[in-house]
Amino acid sequence: MSPFRLGAIAAVIALAIDQAFKLAMLGPYAMAEKGRIAVAPFLDLILVWNRGVSYGLLEQGSEAGRWLLIAIGLAGAGLFSYWLWRADRVLPALSLGLIIGGALGNVIDRIAYGAVADFFLIHIGAFEWYVFNLADVWIVAGVIGMILAWLTERPQNARKS
């Protein structure tokens, strides 16, 4: 199977899992009514609507700002899709697929709800990290994969035969 096809499949699966989880949490599980739920000593579920980007940066309170973030998300997904189309190795293709799937998952939230639904809160004692969702996990995993590909698959690191 071609790297492009693998990356495209990764994008579709990442997007589907993200959206299925969000639909379950917002619908049948009714997360909005439950408040904060301890899952593990370091992990809670909580619903937070993020109107900005990572860590709530660039918070947007207007419709114009919301649509600007949608446009940026679509442009980013388009750029990474072009990069995926040109990918000739598996690790970068899978990594790009995860980034695309995550970006589109958050774009869908902005279109459907006006903000991104975040659910996971990691904490240690009183220290709390930011709240995130599966789309964010896919994006971070994709970036890590791209870094690993760059570090291990560069021509100067390739084994000469």
Protein backbone atom coordinates (compact mmCIF):
# COMPACT_ATOMS: atom_id res chain seq x y z
CA MET A 1 0.00 0.00 0.00
CA SER A 2 1.31 3.45 -0.85
CA PRO A 3 2.39 5.88 1.90
CA PHE A 4 -0.29 8.33 0.70
CA ARG A 5 -3.05 5.73 1.10
CA LEU A 6 -1.79 4.75 4.57
CA GLY A 7 -1.71 8.39 5.63
CA ALA A 8 -5.19 9.02 4.24
CA ILE A 9 -6.53 5.99 6.13
CA ALA A 10 -4.84 7.26 9.32
CA ALA A 11 -6.51 10.67 8.81
CA VAL A 12 -9.97 9.12 8.35
CA ILE A 13 -9.58 6.81 11.36
CA ALA A 14 -8.24 9.61 13.59
CA LEU A 15 -11.08 11.90 12.56
CA ALA A 16 -13.71 9.19 13.05
CA ILE A 17 -12.48 8.24 16.54
CA ASP A 18 -12.27 11.89 17.60
CA GLN A 19 -15.76 12.72 16.39
CA ALA A 20 -17.32 9.49 17.73
CA PHE A 21 -15.85 10.19 21.18
CA LYS A 22 -17.07 13.78 21.15
CA LEU A 23 -20.56 12.78 20.01
CA ALA A 24 -20.75 10.15 22.76
CA MET A 25 -19.56 12.58 25.44
CA LEU A 26 -21.86 15.41 24.34
CA GLY A 27 -24.83 13.15 23.59
CA PRO A 28 -25.60 9.91 25.46
CA TYR A 29 -23.00 10.37 28.19
CA ALA A 30 -24.20 13.97 28.79
CA MET A 31 -20.80 15.23 29.92
CA ALA A 32 -22.08 18.81 30.17
CA GLU A 33 -24.37 17.78 33.04
CA LYS A 34 -21.83 15.70 34.96
CA GLY A 35 -19.11 18.20 35.82
CA ARG A 36 -15.65 16.91 36.66
CA ILE A 37 -15.20 13.13 36.82
CA ALA A 38 -12.09 11.47 38.26
CA VAL A 39 -10.90 8.67 35.97
CA ALA A 40 -7.47 8.06 37.54
CA PRO A 41 -5.38 9.82 40.22
CA PHE A 42 -3.87 11.97 37.45
CA LEU A 43 -6.72 12.17 34.90
CA ASP A 44 -10.18 13.74 35.03
CA LEU A 45 -12.88 14.14 32.44
CA ILE A 46 -14.39 17.62 32.21
CA LEU A 47 -16.09 19.51 29.39
CA VAL A 48 -14.38 22.75 28.40
CA TRP A 49 -15.30 24.72 25.29
CA ASN A 50 -12.12 26.13 23.75
CA ARG A 51 -12.72 29.17 21.56
CA GLY A 52 -8.99 29.64 20.91
CA VAL A 53 -6.17 27.37 19.83
CA SER A 54 -3.78 25.32 21.97
CA TYR A 55 -3.79 26.31 25.63
CA GLY A 56 -6.70 28.68 24.86
CA LEU A 57 -4.36 31.06 23.00
CA LEU A 58 -5.91 33.44 20.46
CA GLU A 59 -9.29 33.20 22.21
CA GLN A 60 -11.98 34.25 19.74
CA GLY A 61 -15.24 35.72 21.00
CA SER A 62 -16.61 36.83 17.65
CA GLU A 63 -18.03 35.02 14.63
CA ALA A 64 -15.31 36.55 12.47
CA GLY A 65 -12.63 35.13 14.78
CA ARG A 66 -14.31 31.74 14.80
CA TRP A 67 -14.38 31.62 10.99
CA LEU A 68 -10.78 32.82 10.85
CA LEU A 69 -9.74 29.84 13.00
CA ILE A 70 -11.82 27.54 10.77
CA ALA A 71 -10.08 28.94 7.69
CA ILE A 72 -6.65 28.49 9.32
CA GLY A 73 -7.53 24.90 10.27
CA LEU A 74 -8.71 24.09 6.75
CA ALA A 75 -5.67 25.74 5.20
CA GLY A 76 -3.39 23.76 7.51
CA ALA A 77 -5.19 20.50 6.70
CA GLY A 78 -4.89 21.35 3.00
CA LEU A 79 -1.18 22.09 3.29
CA PHE A 80 -0.53 18.87 5.21
CA SER A 81 -2.66 16.94 2.69
CA TYR A 82 -0.47 18.22 -0.13
CA TRP A 83 2.60 17.18 1.86
CA LEU A 84 1.00 13.77 2.44
CA TRP A 85 0.29 13.40 -1.28
CA ARG A 86 4.02 13.87 -1.91
CA ALA A 87 5.14 11.59 0.96
CA ASP A 88 7.22 8.62 -0.09
CA ARG A 89 7.83 7.04 3.32
CA VAL A 90 5.45 5.41 5.78
CA LEU A 91 6.29 7.20 9.06
CA PRO A 92 5.89 10.74 7.65
CA ALA A 93 2.70 9.68 5.84
CA LEU A 94 1.11 8.19 8.98
CA SER A 95 2.22 11.22 11.01
CA LEU A 96 0.74 13.64 8.49
CA GLY A 97 -2.46 11.62 8.46
CA LEU A 98 -2.77 11.99 12.24
CA ILE A 99 -2.19 15.75 12.01
CA ILE A 100 -4.79 16.10 9.24
CA GLY A 101 -7.36 14.00 11.12
CA GLY A 102 -6.84 15.99 14.30
CA ALA A 103 -7.00 19.35 12.55
CA LEU A 104 -10.22 18.42 10.76
CA GLY A 105 -11.74 17.11 14.00
CA ASN A 106 -11.24 20.49 15.64
CA VAL A 107 -12.50 22.31 12.52
CA ILE A 108 -15.70 20.26 12.61
CA ASP A 109 -16.21 21.26 16.26
CA ARG A 110 -15.80 24.94 15.42
CA ILE A 111 -18.33 24.64 12.61
CA ALA A 112 -20.85 22.55 14.56
CA TYR A 113 -20.56 24.08 18.05
CA GLY A 114 -18.71 27.37 17.63
CA ALA A 115 -15.81 26.07 19.75
CA VAL A 116 -13.69 22.95 20.25
CA ALA A 117 -14.91 20.42 22.82
CA ASP A 118 -12.06 19.40 25.15
CA PHE A 119 -12.41 16.65 27.77
CA PHE A 120 -9.14 15.40 29.25
CA LEU A 121 -7.46 17.10 32.21
CA ILE A 122 -4.13 15.76 33.41
CA HIS A 123 -3.12 16.87 36.90
CA ILE A 124 -0.63 16.12 39.63
CA GLY A 125 -1.87 17.28 43.00
CA ALA A 126 -2.91 20.92 42.63
CA PHE A 127 -1.01 21.33 39.34
CA GLU A 128 -3.35 21.07 36.36
CA TRP A 129 -2.28 20.89 32.74
CA TYR A 130 -4.54 22.28 30.04
CA VAL A 131 -7.70 20.45 28.93
CA PHE A 132 -7.43 18.69 25.57
CA ASN A 133 -9.22 16.23 23.29
CA LEU A 134 -8.34 13.26 21.08
CA ALA A 135 -7.80 15.51 18.06
CA ASP A 136 -5.07 17.27 20.04
CA VAL A 137 -3.54 13.89 20.91
CA TRP A 138 -3.46 12.95 17.19
CA ILE A 139 -1.82 16.26 16.28
CA VAL A 140 0.87 15.90 18.96
CA ALA A 141 1.49 12.25 18.02
CA GLY A 142 1.79 13.31 14.37
CA VAL A 143 4.29 16.04 15.19
CA ILE A 144 6.34 13.59 17.26
CA GLY A 145 6.24 11.14 14.36
CA MET A 146 7.43 13.83 11.94
CA ILE A 147 10.32 14.71 14.26
CA LEU A 148 11.28 11.04 14.56
CA ALA A 149 11.10 10.66 10.78
CA TRP A 150 13.29 13.71 10.32
CA LEU A 151 15.83 12.44 12.86
CA THR A 152 15.97 8.86 11.59
CA GLU A 153 15.12 9.01 7.90
CA ARG A 154 17.21 11.93 6.67
CA PRO A 155 19.50 11.02 3.77
CA GLN A 156 22.62 11.62 5.85
CA ASN A 157 21.31 9.10 8.41
CA ALA A 158 20.43 6.50 5.78
CA ARG A 159 22.56 3.43 5.71
CA LYS A 160 24.69 3.25 2.61
CA SER A 161 24.54 -0.03 0.81
